[in-house]
Amino acid sequence: MQAVVALGAPADLTVAVPALVERQYLQPFLGASPDEAPALYARASPGTYATPDDPPFLLVHSASDALVPVTHPRAFAAQLRRAGVAVELVEEDGVLHVWGGERLDRTLKGVGAFLDRHLRK
């Protein structure tokens, strides 16, 4: 793998999420709540496994995301940086979990530029 792009992804499962997300997605996936099994939630978080040989990451997230709080990519980016991994975090203002139209076009151009920088070496 030469590069990673994640848009709106729940990346650090140790960071709180809305109760609905926890109940509908995380508990069925992991079989327990974060309070019941914090180590399991840490093991299920990709940042737990960050190492210096990981590829560069681009994390794109809405600063107003009510489904996956922006604290997820912020925490994940911090874990990647601590491991010596190159990471770019782009926070979109004024949007919720997903967006379209011209804003999406701009986002995808940024994704393309990131991939060009890292894949066309």
PDB file of N, CA and C in Angstrom:
ATOM      1  N   MET A   1       0.846  -1.158   0.000  1.00  0.00           N
ATOM      2  CA  MET A   1       0.000   0.000   0.000  1.00  0.00           C
ATOM      3  C   MET A   1       0.901   1.234   0.000  1.00  0.00           C
ATOM      4  N   GLN A   2       0.573   2.200  -0.863  1.00  0.00           N
ATOM      5  CA  GLN A   2       1.413   3.382  -1.006  1.00  0.00           C
ATOM      6  C   GLN A   2       0.793   4.648  -0.438  1.00  0.00           C
ATOM      7  N   ALA A   3      -0.515   4.660  -0.234  1.00  0.00           N
ATOM      8  CA  ALA A   3      -1.192   5.835   0.317  1.00  0.00           C
ATOM      9  C   ALA A   3      -2.578   5.416   0.792  1.00  0.00           C
ATOM     10  N   VAL A   4      -3.101   6.171   1.766  1.00  0.00           N
ATOM     11  CA  VAL A   4      -4.438   5.900   2.308  1.00  0.00           C
ATOM     12  C   VAL A   4      -5.234   7.200   2.324  1.00  0.00           C
ATOM     13  N   VAL A   5      -6.487   7.119   1.872  1.00  0.00           N
ATOM     14  CA  VAL A   5      -7.415   8.244   1.931  1.00  0.00           C
ATOM     15  C   VAL A   5      -8.650   7.764   2.686  1.00  0.00           C
ATOM     16  N   ALA A   6      -9.048   8.503   3.713  1.00  0.00           N
ATOM     17  CA  ALA A   6     -10.249   8.168   4.478  1.00  0.00           C
ATOM     18  C   ALA A   6     -11.124   9.413   4.585  1.00  0.00           C
ATOM     19  N   LEU A   7     -12.376   9.274   4.222  1.00  0.00           N
ATOM     20  CA  LEU A   7     -13.329  10.382   4.286  1.00  0.00           C
ATOM     21  C   LEU A   7     -14.415  10.053   5.297  1.00  0.00           C
ATOM     22  N   GLY A   8     -14.467  10.819   6.375  1.00  0.00           N
ATOM     23  CA  GLY A   8     -15.522  10.662   7.374  1.00  0.00           C
ATOM     24  C   GLY A   8     -15.453   9.356   8.143  1.00  0.00           C
ATOM     25  N   ALA A   9     -14.283   8.775   8.247  1.00  0.00           N
ATOM     26  CA  ALA A   9     -14.155   7.440   8.842  1.00  0.00           C
ATOM     27  C   ALA A   9     -14.029   7.482  10.364  1.00  0.00           C
ATOM     28  N   PRO A  10     -14.713   6.563  11.048  1.00  0.00           N
ATOM     29  CA  PRO A  10     -14.476   6.407  12.484  1.00  0.00           C
ATOM     30  C   PRO A  10     -13.132   5.710  12.661  1.00  0.00           C
ATOM     31  N   ALA A  11     -12.145   6.445  13.088  1.00  0.00           N
ATOM     32  CA  ALA A  11     -10.774   5.924  13.070  1.00  0.00           C
ATOM     33  C   ALA A  11     -10.207   5.621  14.450  1.00  0.00           C
ATOM     34  N   ASP A  12     -10.740   6.214  15.479  1.00  0.00           N
ATOM     35  CA  ASP A  12     -10.243   5.936  16.827  1.00  0.00           C
ATOM     36  C   ASP A  12     -11.452   5.577  17.678  1.00  0.00           C
ATOM     37  N   LEU A  13     -11.670   4.291  17.862  1.00  0.00           N
ATOM     38  CA  LEU A  13     -12.869   3.827  18.551  1.00  0.00           C
ATOM     39  C   LEU A  13     -12.812   4.021  20.057  1.00  0.00           C
ATOM     40  N   THR A  14     -11.706   4.559  20.553  1.00  0.00           N
ATOM     41  CA  THR A  14     -11.626   4.895  21.972  1.00  0.00           C
ATOM     42  C   THR A  14     -12.212   6.271  22.247  1.00  0.00           C
ATOM     43  N   VAL A  15     -12.476   7.031  21.195  1.00  0.00           N
ATOM     44  CA  VAL A  15     -13.049   8.370  21.315  1.00  0.00           C
ATOM     45  C   VAL A  15     -14.571   8.238  21.278  1.00  0.00           C
ATOM     46  N   ALA A  16     -15.253   8.971  22.118  1.00  0.00           N
ATOM     47  CA  ALA A  16     -16.711   8.873  22.224  1.00  0.00           C
ATOM     48  C   ALA A  16     -17.406   9.177  20.900  1.00  0.00           C
ATOM     49  N   VAL A  17     -18.499   8.479  20.694  1.00  0.00           N
ATOM     50  CA  VAL A  17     -19.377   8.710  19.544  1.00  0.00           C
ATOM     51  C   VAL A  17     -20.791   8.902  20.082  1.00  0.00           C
ATOM     52  N   PRO A  18     -21.691   9.413  19.260  1.00  0.00           N
ATOM     53  CA  PRO A  18     -23.078   9.527  19.717  1.00  0.00           C
ATOM     54  C   PRO A  18     -23.625   8.160  20.129  1.00  0.00           C
ATOM     55  N   ALA A  19     -24.522   8.155  21.101  1.00  0.00           N
ATOM     56  CA  ALA A  19     -25.084   6.909  21.638  1.00  0.00           C
ATOM     57  C   ALA A  19     -25.702   6.043  20.541  1.00  0.00           C
ATOM     58  N   LEU A  20     -26.363   6.659  19.579  1.00  0.00           N
ATOM     59  CA  LEU A  20     -26.971   5.908  18.487  1.00  0.00           C
ATOM     60  C   LEU A  20     -25.918   5.130  17.700  1.00  0.00           C
ATOM     61  N   VAL A  21     -24.802   5.756  17.396  1.00  0.00           N
ATOM     62  CA  VAL A  21     -23.725   5.105  16.641  1.00  0.00           C
ATOM     63  C   VAL A  21     -23.134   3.955  17.458  1.00  0.00           C
ATOM     64  N   GLU A  22     -22.919   4.217  18.724  1.00  0.00           N
ATOM     65  CA  GLU A  22     -22.381   3.165  19.598  1.00  0.00           C
ATOM     66  C   GLU A  22     -23.327   1.962  19.639  1.00  0.00           C
ATOM     67  N   ARG A  23     -24.598   2.241  19.851  1.00  0.00           N
ATOM     68  CA  ARG A  23     -25.593   1.177  20.000  1.00  0.00           C
ATOM     69  C   ARG A  23     -25.845   0.432  18.684  1.00  0.00           C
ATOM     70  N   GLN A  24     -25.938   1.172  17.567  1.00  0.00           N
ATOM     71  CA  GLN A  24     -26.290   0.558  16.287  1.00  0.00           C
ATOM     72  C   GLN A  24     -25.117  -0.074  15.560  1.00  0.00           C
ATOM     73  N   TYR A  25     -23.927   0.454  15.739  1.00  0.00           N
ATOM     74  CA  TYR A  25     -22.795  -0.006  14.940  1.00  0.00           C
ATOM     75  C   TYR A  25     -21.671  -0.637  15.762  1.00  0.00           C
ATOM     76  N   LEU A  26     -21.184   0.081  16.759  1.00  0.00           N
ATOM     77  CA  LEU A  26     -19.993  -0.391  17.459  1.00  0.00           C
ATOM     78  C   LEU A  26     -20.271  -1.580  18.375  1.00  0.00           C
ATOM     79  N   GLN A  27     -21.322  -1.512  19.162  1.00  0.00           N
ATOM     80  CA  GLN A  27     -21.610  -2.643  20.050  1.00  0.00           C
ATOM     81  C   GLN A  27     -21.916  -3.930  19.272  1.00  0.00           C
ATOM     82  N   PRO A  28     -22.728  -3.901  18.214  1.00  0.00           N
ATOM     83  CA  PRO A  28     -22.926  -5.143  17.454  1.00  0.00           C
ATOM     84  C   PRO A  28     -21.623  -5.641  16.802  1.00  0.00           C
ATOM     85  N   PHE A  29     -20.794  -4.722  16.353  1.00  0.00           N
ATOM     86  CA  PHE A  29     -19.530  -5.089  15.706  1.00  0.00           C
ATOM     87  C   PHE A  29     -18.549  -5.696  16.707  1.00  0.00           C
ATOM     88  N   LEU A  30     -18.427  -5.079  17.875  1.00  0.00           N
ATOM     89  CA  LEU A  30     -17.424  -5.511  18.849  1.00  0.00           C
ATOM     90  C   LEU A  30     -17.993  -6.391  19.963  1.00  0.00           C
ATOM     91  N   GLY A  31     -19.307  -6.444  20.093  1.00  0.00           N
ATOM     92  CA  GLY A  31     -19.919  -7.330  21.079  1.00  0.00           C
ATOM     93  C   GLY A  31     -19.930  -6.807  22.496  1.00  0.00           C
ATOM     94  N   ALA A  32     -19.590  -5.552  22.685  1.00  0.00           N
ATOM     95  CA  ALA A  32     -19.571  -4.955  24.028  1.00  0.00           C
ATOM     96  C   ALA A  32     -19.564  -3.442  23.881  1.00  0.00           C
ATOM     97  N   SER A  33     -19.837  -2.765  24.984  1.00  0.00           N
ATOM     98  CA  SER A  33     -19.758  -1.304  24.986  1.00  0.00           C
ATOM     99  C   SER A  33     -18.310  -0.882  25.281  1.00  0.00           C
ATOM    100  N   PRO A  34     -17.967   0.364  25.002  1.00  0.00           N
ATOM    101  CA  PRO A  34     -16.615   0.833  25.328  1.00  0.00           C
ATOM    102  C   PRO A  34     -16.317   0.745  26.824  1.00  0.00           C
ATOM    103  N   ASP A  35     -17.331   0.958  27.663  1.00  0.00           N
ATOM    104  CA  ASP A  35     -17.121   0.859  29.113  1.00  0.00           C
ATOM    105  C   ASP A  35     -16.852  -0.582  29.536  1.00  0.00           C
ATOM    106  N   GLU A  36     -17.483  -1.529  28.857  1.00  0.00           N
ATOM    107  CA  GLU A  36     -17.299  -2.940  29.183  1.00  0.00           C
ATOM    108  C   GLU A  36     -15.972  -3.502  28.676  1.00  0.00           C
ATOM    109  N   ALA A  37     -15.493  -2.982  27.557  1.00  0.00           N
ATOM    110  CA  ALA A  37     -14.306  -3.566  26.929  1.00  0.00           C
ATOM    111  C   ALA A  37     -13.419  -2.497  26.286  1.00  0.00           C
ATOM    112  N   PRO A  38     -12.854  -1.588  27.082  1.00  0.00           N
ATOM    113  CA  PRO A  38     -12.045  -0.516  26.489  1.00  0.00           C
ATOM    114  C   PRO A  38     -10.834  -1.038  25.706  1.00  0.00           C
ATOM    115  N   ALA A  39     -10.232  -2.123  26.160  1.00  0.00           N
ATOM    116  CA  ALA A  39      -9.065  -2.672  25.443  1.00  0.00           C
ATOM    117  C   ALA A  39      -9.468  -3.199  24.067  1.00  0.00           C
ATOM    118  N   LEU A  40     -10.669  -3.751  23.965  1.00  0.00           N
ATOM    119  CA  LEU A  40     -11.167  -4.236  22.683  1.00  0.00           C
ATOM    120  C   LEU A  40     -11.335  -3.084  21.708  1.00  0.00           C
ATOM    121  N   TYR A  41     -11.860  -1.971  22.185  1.00  0.00           N
ATOM    122  CA  TYR A  41     -12.047  -0.794  21.342  1.00  0.00           C
ATOM    123  C   TYR A  41     -10.697  -0.231  20.899  1.00  0.00           C
ATOM    124  N   ALA A  42      -9.707  -0.269  21.762  1.00  0.00           N
ATOM    125  CA  ALA A  42      -8.362   0.175  21.376  1.00  0.00           C
ATOM    126  C   ALA A  42      -7.786  -0.760  20.313  1.00  0.00           C
ATOM    127  N   ARG A  43      -7.968  -2.072  20.497  1.00  0.00           N
ATOM    128  CA  ARG A  43      -7.447  -3.037  19.518  1.00  0.00           C
ATOM    129  C   ARG A  43      -8.144  -2.902  18.163  1.00  0.00           C
ATOM    130  N   ALA A  44      -9.383  -2.440  18.150  1.00  0.00           N
ATOM    131  CA  ALA A  44     -10.134  -2.287  16.902  1.00  0.00           C
ATOM    132  C   ALA A  44      -9.847  -0.950  16.212  1.00  0.00           C
ATOM    133  N   SER A  45      -9.036  -0.112  16.812  1.00  0.00           N
ATOM    134  CA  SER A  45      -8.717   1.209  16.266  1.00  0.00           C
ATOM    135  C   SER A  45      -7.424   1.147  15.467  1.00  0.00           C
ATOM    136  N   PRO A  46      -7.441   1.586  14.213  1.00  0.00           N
ATOM    137  CA  PRO A  46      -6.246   1.454  13.376  1.00  0.00           C
ATOM    138  C   PRO A  46      -5.017   2.184  13.903  1.00  0.00           C
ATOM    139  N   GLY A  47      -5.193   3.270  14.604  1.00  0.00           N
ATOM    140  CA  GLY A  47      -4.040   4.008  15.120  1.00  0.00           C
ATOM    141  C   GLY A  47      -3.208   3.209  16.103  1.00  0.00           C
ATOM    142  N   THR A  48      -3.811   2.212  16.723  1.00  0.00           N
ATOM    143  CA  THR A  48      -3.101   1.335  17.650  1.00  0.00           C
ATOM    144  C   THR A  48      -1.925   0.651  16.954  1.00  0.00           C
ATOM    145  N   TYR A  49      -2.042   0.463  15.655  1.00  0.00           N
ATOM    146  CA  TYR A  49      -1.050  -0.291  14.894  1.00  0.00           C
ATOM    147  C   TYR A  49      -0.154   0.586  14.022  1.00  0.00           C
ATOM    148  N   ALA A  50      -0.186   1.890  14.227  1.00  0.00           N
ATOM    149  CA  ALA A  50       0.620   2.801  13.420  1.00  0.00           C
ATOM    150  C   ALA A  50       2.108   2.571  13.663  1.00  0.00           C
ATOM    151  N   THR A  51       2.851   2.470  12.567  1.00  0.00           N
ATOM    152  CA  THR A  51       4.304   2.307  12.632  1.00  0.00           C
ATOM    153  C   THR A  51       4.944   3.202  11.580  1.00  0.00           C
ATOM    154  N   PRO A  52       6.214   3.528  11.749  1.00  0.00           N
ATOM    155  CA  PRO A  52       6.875   4.448  10.812  1.00  0.00           C
ATOM    156  C   PRO A  52       6.875   3.991   9.355  1.00  0.00           C
ATOM    157  N   ASP A  53       6.690   2.706   9.096  1.00  0.00           N
ATOM    158  CA  ASP A  53       6.693   2.239   7.709  1.00  0.00           C
ATOM    159  C   ASP A  53       5.308   2.283   7.059  1.00  0.00           C
ATOM    160  N   ASP A  54       4.316   2.848   7.756  1.00  0.00           N
ATOM    161  CA  ASP A  54       2.980   3.004   7.171  1.00  0.00           C
ATOM    162  C   ASP A  54       3.026   4.043   6.054  1.00  0.00           C
ATOM    163  N   PRO A  55       2.124   3.911   5.080  1.00  0.00           N
ATOM    164  CA  PRO A  55       2.078   4.891   3.988  1.00  0.00           C
ATOM    165  C   PRO A  55       1.506   6.218   4.480  1.00  0.00           C
ATOM    166  N   PRO A  56       1.644   7.270   3.693  1.00  0.00           N
ATOM    167  CA  PRO A  56       1.040   8.553   4.063  1.00  0.00           C
ATOM    168  C   PRO A  56      -0.490   8.457   4.048  1.00  0.00           C
ATOM    169  N   PHE A  57      -1.110   9.235   4.928  1.00  0.00           N
ATOM    170  CA  PHE A  57      -2.566   9.249   5.068  1.00  0.00           C
ATOM    171  C   PHE A  57      -3.116  10.630   4.739  1.00  0.00           C
ATOM    172  N   LEU A  58      -4.274  10.654   4.108  1.00  0.00           N
ATOM    173  CA  LEU A  58      -5.085  11.862   3.958  1.00  0.00           C
ATOM    174  C   LEU A  58      -6.407  11.568   4.646  1.00  0.00           C
ATOM    175  N   LEU A  59      -6.727  12.343   5.667  1.00  0.00           N
ATOM    176  CA  LEU A  59      -7.990  12.209   6.394  1.00  0.00           C
ATOM    177  C   LEU A  59      -8.829  13.442   6.087  1.00  0.00           C
ATOM    178  N   VAL A  60      -9.999  13.241   5.519  1.00  0.00           N
ATOM    179  CA  VAL A  60     -10.916  14.335   5.190  1.00  0.00           C
ATOM    180  C   VAL A  60     -12.164  14.124   6.029  1.00  0.00           C
ATOM    181  N   HIS A  61     -12.567  15.165   6.746  1.00  0.00           N
ATOM    182  CA  HIS A  61     -13.673  15.018   7.692  1.00  0.00           C
ATOM    183  C   HIS A  61     -14.410  16.336   7.842  1.00  0.00           C
ATOM    184  N   SER A  62     -15.688  16.249   8.132  1.00  0.00           N
ATOM    185  CA  SER A  62     -16.464  17.444   8.419  1.00  0.00           C
ATOM    186  C   SER A  62     -16.219  17.880   9.859  1.00  0.00           C
ATOM    187  N   ALA A  63     -15.941  19.146  10.038  1.00  0.00           N
ATOM    188  CA  ALA A  63     -15.752  19.689  11.381  1.00  0.00           C
ATOM    189  C   ALA A  63     -17.064  19.663  12.172  1.00  0.00           C
ATOM    190  N   SER A  64     -18.195  19.526  11.469  1.00  0.00           N
ATOM    191  CA  SER A  64     -19.521  19.530  12.114  1.00  0.00           C
ATOM    192  C   SER A  64     -20.182  18.161  12.071  1.00  0.00           C
ATOM    193  N   ASP A  65     -19.428  17.124  11.830  1.00  0.00           N
ATOM    194  CA  ASP A  65     -19.997  15.782  11.683  1.00  0.00           C
ATOM    195  C   ASP A  65     -20.660  15.344  12.988  1.00  0.00           C
ATOM    196  N   ALA A  66     -21.959  15.071  12.928  1.00  0.00           N
ATOM    197  CA  ALA A  66     -22.691  14.626  14.114  1.00  0.00           C
ATOM    198  C   ALA A  66     -22.693  13.107  14.242  1.00  0.00           C
ATOM    199  N   LEU A  67     -22.366  12.404  13.163  1.00  0.00           N
ATOM    200  CA  LEU A  67     -22.349  10.941  13.186  1.00  0.00           C
ATOM    201  C   LEU A  67     -20.998  10.415  13.680  1.00  0.00           C
ATOM    202  N   VAL A  68     -19.925  10.899  13.081  1.00  0.00           N
ATOM    203  CA  VAL A  68     -18.565  10.539  13.487  1.00  0.00           C
ATOM    204  C   VAL A  68     -17.860  11.841  13.859  1.00  0.00           C
ATOM    205  N   PRO A  69     -17.755  12.134  15.141  1.00  0.00           N
ATOM    206  CA  PRO A  69     -17.175  13.419  15.560  1.00  0.00           C
ATOM    207  C   PRO A  69     -15.760  13.622  15.015  1.00  0.00           C
ATOM    208  N   VAL A  70     -15.442  14.867  14.749  1.00  0.00           N
ATOM    209  CA  VAL A  70     -14.128  15.217  14.198  1.00  0.00           C
ATOM    210  C   VAL A  70     -12.990  14.846  15.161  1.00  0.00           C
ATOM    211  N   THR A  71     -13.321  14.556  16.398  1.00  0.00           N
ATOM    212  CA  THR A  71     -12.296  14.095  17.338  1.00  0.00           C
ATOM    213  C   THR A  71     -11.689  12.770  16.893  1.00  0.00           C
ATOM    214  N   HIS A  72     -12.413  11.973  16.117  1.00  0.00           N
ATOM    215  CA  HIS A  72     -11.872  10.701  15.610  1.00  0.00           C
ATOM    216  C   HIS A  72     -10.662  10.912  14.710  1.00  0.00           C
ATOM    217  N   PRO A  73     -10.796  11.649  13.603  1.00  0.00           N
ATOM    218  CA  PRO A  73      -9.611  11.816  12.765  1.00  0.00           C
ATOM    219  C   PRO A  73      -8.513  12.637  13.446  1.00  0.00           C
ATOM    220  N   ARG A  74      -8.892  13.539  14.327  1.00  0.00           N
ATOM    221  CA  ARG A  74      -7.861  14.296  15.050  1.00  0.00           C
ATOM    222  C   ARG A  74      -7.016  13.361  15.921  1.00  0.00           C
ATOM    223  N   ALA A  75      -7.688  12.476  16.652  1.00  0.00           N
ATOM    224  CA  ALA A  75      -6.963  11.524  17.506  1.00  0.00           C
ATOM    225  C   ALA A  75      -6.139  10.563  16.654  1.00  0.00           C
ATOM    226  N   PHE A  76      -6.714  10.091  15.554  1.00  0.00           N
ATOM    227  CA  PHE A  76      -6.009   9.174  14.655  1.00  0.00           C
ATOM    228  C   PHE A  76      -4.784   9.857  14.050  1.00  0.00           C
ATOM    229  N   ALA A  77      -4.947  11.091  13.610  1.00  0.00           N
ATOM    230  CA  ALA A  77      -3.815  11.837  13.039  1.00  0.00           C
ATOM    231  C   ALA A  77      -2.708  11.986  14.075  1.00  0.00           C
ATOM    232  N   ALA A  78      -3.072  12.249  15.322  1.00  0.00           N
ATOM    233  CA  ALA A  78      -2.063  12.379  16.386  1.00  0.00           C
ATOM    234  C   ALA A  78      -1.327  11.051  16.586  1.00  0.00           C
ATOM    235  N   GLN A  79      -2.053   9.938  16.547  1.00  0.00           N
ATOM    236  CA  GLN A  79      -1.415   8.625  16.693  1.00  0.00           C
ATOM    237  C   GLN A  79      -0.449   8.371  15.534  1.00  0.00           C
ATOM    238  N   LEU A  80      -0.880   8.694  14.321  1.00  0.00           N
ATOM    239  CA  LEU A  80      -0.014   8.509  13.162  1.00  0.00           C
ATOM    240  C   LEU A  80       1.242   9.363  13.277  1.00  0.00           C
ATOM    241  N   ARG A  81       1.070  10.621  13.658  1.00  0.00           N
ATOM    242  CA  ARG A  81       2.241  11.519  13.788  1.00  0.00           C
ATOM    243  C   ARG A  81       3.210  11.012  14.848  1.00  0.00           C
ATOM    244  N   ARG A  82       2.680  10.545  15.985  1.00  0.00           N
ATOM    245  CA  ARG A  82       3.555   9.995  17.035  1.00  0.00           C
ATOM    246  C   ARG A  82       4.372   8.806  16.519  1.00  0.00           C
ATOM    247  N   ALA A  83       3.795   8.066  15.579  1.00  0.00           N
ATOM    248  CA  ALA A  83       4.485   6.909  15.011  1.00  0.00           C
ATOM    249  C   ALA A  83       5.415   7.298  13.867  1.00  0.00           C
ATOM    250  N   GLY A  84       5.420   8.584  13.508  1.00  0.00           N
ATOM    251  CA  GLY A  84       6.291   9.044  12.431  1.00  0.00           C
ATOM    252  C   GLY A  84       5.695   8.877  11.044  1.00  0.00           C
ATOM    253  N   VAL A  85       4.375   8.765  10.961  1.00  0.00           N
ATOM    254  CA  VAL A  85       3.694   8.599   9.685  1.00  0.00           C
ATOM    255  C   VAL A  85       3.273   9.969   9.165  1.00  0.00           C
ATOM    256  N   ALA A  86       3.468  10.199   7.876  1.00  0.00           N
ATOM    257  CA  ALA A  86       3.011  11.446   7.254  1.00  0.00           C
ATOM    258  C   ALA A  86       1.486  11.417   7.179  1.00  0.00           C
ATOM    259  N   VAL A  87       0.855  12.483   7.658  1.00  0.00           N
ATOM    260  CA  VAL A  87      -0.605  12.547   7.649  1.00  0.00           C
ATOM    261  C   VAL A  87      -1.060  13.974   7.394  1.00  0.00           C
ATOM    262  N   GLU A  88      -2.076  14.103   6.563  1.00  0.00           N
ATOM    263  CA  GLU A  88      -2.736  15.384   6.318  1.00  0.00           C
ATOM    264  C   GLU A  88      -4.171  15.245   6.794  1.00  0.00           C
ATOM    265  N   LEU A  89      -4.629  16.189   7.591  1.00  0.00           N
ATOM    266  CA  LEU A  89      -6.014  16.209   8.056  1.00  0.00           C
ATOM    267  C   LEU A  89      -6.688  17.447   7.481  1.00  0.00           C
ATOM    268  N   VAL A  90      -7.726  17.232   6.693  1.00  0.00           N
ATOM    269  CA  VAL A  90      -8.497  18.326   6.101  1.00  0.00           C
ATOM    270  C   VAL A  90      -9.862  18.320   6.765  1.00  0.00           C
ATOM    271  N   GLU A  91     -10.205  19.417   7.423  1.00  0.00           N
ATOM    272  CA  GLU A  91     -11.510  19.551   8.073  1.00  0.00           C
ATOM    273  C   GLU A  91     -12.377  20.485   7.247  1.00  0.00           C
ATOM    274  N   GLU A  92     -13.477  19.960   6.758  1.00  0.00           N
ATOM    275  CA  GLU A  92     -14.422  20.740   5.979  1.00  0.00           C
ATOM    276  C   GLU A  92     -15.361  21.487   6.917  1.00  0.00           C
ATOM    277  N   ASP A  93     -15.538  22.775   6.698  1.00  0.00           N
ATOM    278  CA  ASP A  93     -16.460  23.579   7.502  1.00  0.00           C
ATOM    279  C   ASP A  93     -17.853  23.564   6.893  1.00  0.00           C
ATOM    280  N   GLY A  94     -18.853  23.660   7.750  1.00  0.00           N
ATOM    281  CA  GLY A  94     -20.219  23.865   7.293  1.00  0.00           C
ATOM    282  C   GLY A  94     -20.886  22.675   6.628  1.00  0.00           C
ATOM    283  N   VAL A  95     -20.391  21.463   6.872  1.00  0.00           N
ATOM    284  CA  VAL A  95     -21.043  20.284   6.299  1.00  0.00           C
ATOM    285  C   VAL A  95     -21.253  19.248   7.389  1.00  0.00           C
ATOM    286  N   LEU A  96     -22.153  18.322   7.116  1.00  0.00           N
ATOM    287  CA  LEU A  96     -22.396  17.246   8.072  1.00  0.00           C
ATOM    288  C   LEU A  96     -21.546  16.040   7.687  1.00  0.00           C
ATOM    289  N   HIS A  97     -22.066  14.833   7.826  1.00  0.00           N
ATOM    290  CA  HIS A  97     -21.252  13.634   7.601  1.00  0.00           C
ATOM    291  C   HIS A  97     -20.837  13.461   6.141  1.00  0.00           C
ATOM    292  N   VAL A  98     -21.725  13.772   5.224  1.00  0.00           N
ATOM    293  CA  VAL A  98     -21.412  13.641   3.793  1.00  0.00           C
ATOM    294  C   VAL A  98     -21.756  14.938   3.088  1.00  0.00           C
ATOM    295  N   TRP A  99     -21.158  15.140   1.939  1.00  0.00           N
ATOM    296  CA  TRP A  99     -21.465  16.335   1.164  1.00  0.00           C
ATOM    297  C   TRP A  99     -21.355  16.008  -0.309  1.00  0.00           C
ATOM    298  N   GLY A 100     -21.894  16.911  -1.116  1.00  0.00           N
ATOM    299  CA  GLY A 100     -21.893  16.699  -2.564  1.00  0.00           C
ATOM    300  C   GLY A 100     -21.648  18.004  -3.289  1.00  0.00           C
ATOM    301  N   GLY A 101     -22.027  18.025  -4.550  1.00  0.00           N
ATOM    302  CA  GLY A 101     -21.929  19.227  -5.355  1.00  0.00           C
ATOM    303  C   GLY A 101     -20.505  19.726  -5.541  1.00  0.00           C
ATOM    304  N   GLU A 102     -20.377  21.038  -5.614  1.00  0.00           N
ATOM    305  CA  GLU A 102     -19.072  21.668  -5.849  1.00  0.00           C
ATOM    306  C   GLU A 102     -18.083  21.373  -4.724  1.00  0.00           C
ATOM    307  N   ARG A 103     -18.576  21.299  -3.510  1.00  0.00           N
ATOM    308  CA  ARG A 103     -17.688  21.004  -2.377  1.00  0.00           C
ATOM    309  C   ARG A 103     -17.075  19.614  -2.551  1.00  0.00           C
ATOM    310  N   LEU A 104     -17.876  18.644  -2.959  1.00  0.00           N
ATOM    311  CA  LEU A 104     -17.356  17.301  -3.197  1.00  0.00           C
ATOM    312  C   LEU A 104     -16.363  17.311  -4.353  1.00  0.00           C
ATOM    313  N   ASP A 105     -16.667  18.059  -5.398  1.00  0.00           N
ATOM    314  CA  ASP A 105     -15.720  18.170  -6.519  1.00  0.00           C
ATOM    315  C   ASP A 105     -14.364  18.691  -6.038  1.00  0.00           C
ATOM    316  N   ARG A 106     -14.385  19.731  -5.191  1.00  0.00           N
ATOM    317  CA  ARG A 106     -13.125  20.281  -4.650  1.00  0.00           C
ATOM    318  C   ARG A 106     -12.411  19.246  -3.776  1.00  0.00           C
ATOM    319  N   THR A 107     -13.199  18.537  -2.960  1.00  0.00           N
ATOM    320  CA  THR A 107     -12.619  17.507  -2.098  1.00  0.00           C
ATOM    321  C   THR A 107     -11.929  16.439  -2.936  1.00  0.00           C
ATOM    322  N   LEU A 108     -12.598  15.978  -3.991  1.00  0.00           N
ATOM    323  CA  LEU A 108     -12.033  14.933  -4.827  1.00  0.00           C
ATOM    324  C   LEU A 108     -10.807  15.408  -5.600  1.00  0.00           C
ATOM    325  N   LYS A 109     -10.779  16.677  -5.959  1.00  0.00           N
ATOM    326  CA  LYS A 109      -9.560  17.221  -6.586  1.00  0.00           C
ATOM    327  C   LYS A 109      -8.400  17.190  -5.596  1.00  0.00           C
ATOM    328  N   GLY A 110      -8.684  17.515  -4.343  1.00  0.00           N
ATOM    329  CA  GLY A 110      -7.642  17.431  -3.311  1.00  0.00           C
ATOM    330  C   GLY A 110      -7.172  16.009  -3.087  1.00  0.00           C
ATOM    331  N   VAL A 111      -8.110  15.062  -3.120  1.00  0.00           N
ATOM    332  CA  VAL A 111      -7.756  13.648  -2.993  1.00  0.00           C
ATOM    333  C   VAL A 111      -6.870  13.238  -4.165  1.00  0.00           C
ATOM    334  N   GLY A 112      -7.259  13.642  -5.372  1.00  0.00           N
ATOM    335  CA  GLY A 112      -6.450  13.326  -6.560  1.00  0.00           C
ATOM    336  C   GLY A 112      -5.047  13.896  -6.465  1.00  0.00           C
ATOM    337  N   ALA A 113      -4.929  15.133  -5.988  1.00  0.00           N
ATOM    338  CA  ALA A 113      -3.612  15.752  -5.841  1.00  0.00           C
ATOM    339  C   ALA A 113      -2.762  15.001  -4.822  1.00  0.00           C
ATOM    340  N   PHE A 114      -3.379  14.598  -3.707  1.00  0.00           N
ATOM    341  CA  PHE A 114      -2.664  13.812  -2.693  1.00  0.00           C
ATOM    342  C   PHE A 114      -2.156  12.504  -3.281  1.00  0.00           C
ATOM    343  N   LEU A 115      -3.038  11.799  -3.998  1.00  0.00           N
ATOM    344  CA  LEU A 115      -2.638  10.525  -4.595  1.00  0.00           C
ATOM    345  C   LEU A 115      -1.559  10.719  -5.650  1.00  0.00           C
ATOM    346  N   ASP A 116      -1.671  11.777  -6.437  1.00  0.00           N
ATOM    347  CA  ASP A 116      -0.616  12.067  -7.426  1.00  0.00           C
ATOM    348  C   ASP A 116       0.732  12.265  -6.751  1.00  0.00           C
ATOM    349  N   ARG A 117       0.741  13.008  -5.640  1.00  0.00           N
ATOM    350  CA  ARG A 117       2.008  13.262  -4.924  1.00  0.00           C
ATOM    351  C   ARG A 117       2.631  11.973  -4.420  1.00  0.00           C
ATOM    352  N   HIS A 118       1.805  11.033  -4.017  1.00  0.00           N
ATOM    353  CA  HIS A 118       2.346   9.833  -3.365  1.00  0.00           C
ATOM    354  C   HIS A 118       2.395   8.599  -4.259  1.00  0.00           C
ATOM    355  N   LEU A 119       1.662   8.591  -5.333  1.00  0.00           N
ATOM    356  CA  LEU A 119       1.647   7.411  -6.192  1.00  0.00           C
ATOM    357  C   LEU A 119       2.430   7.586  -7.486  1.00  0.00           C
ATOM    358  N   ARG A 120       2.692   8.817  -7.864  1.00  0.00           N
ATOM    359  CA  ARG A 120       3.395   9.075  -9.125  1.00  0.00           C
ATOM    360  C   ARG A 120       4.868   9.411  -8.885  1.00  0.00           C
ATOM    361  N   LYS A 121       5.462   8.713  -7.956  1.00  0.00           N
ATOM    362  CA  LYS A 121       6.872   8.981  -7.648  1.00  0.00           C
ATOM    363  C   LYS A 121       7.762   8.202  -8.582  1.00  0.00           C
TER     364      LYS A 121
END
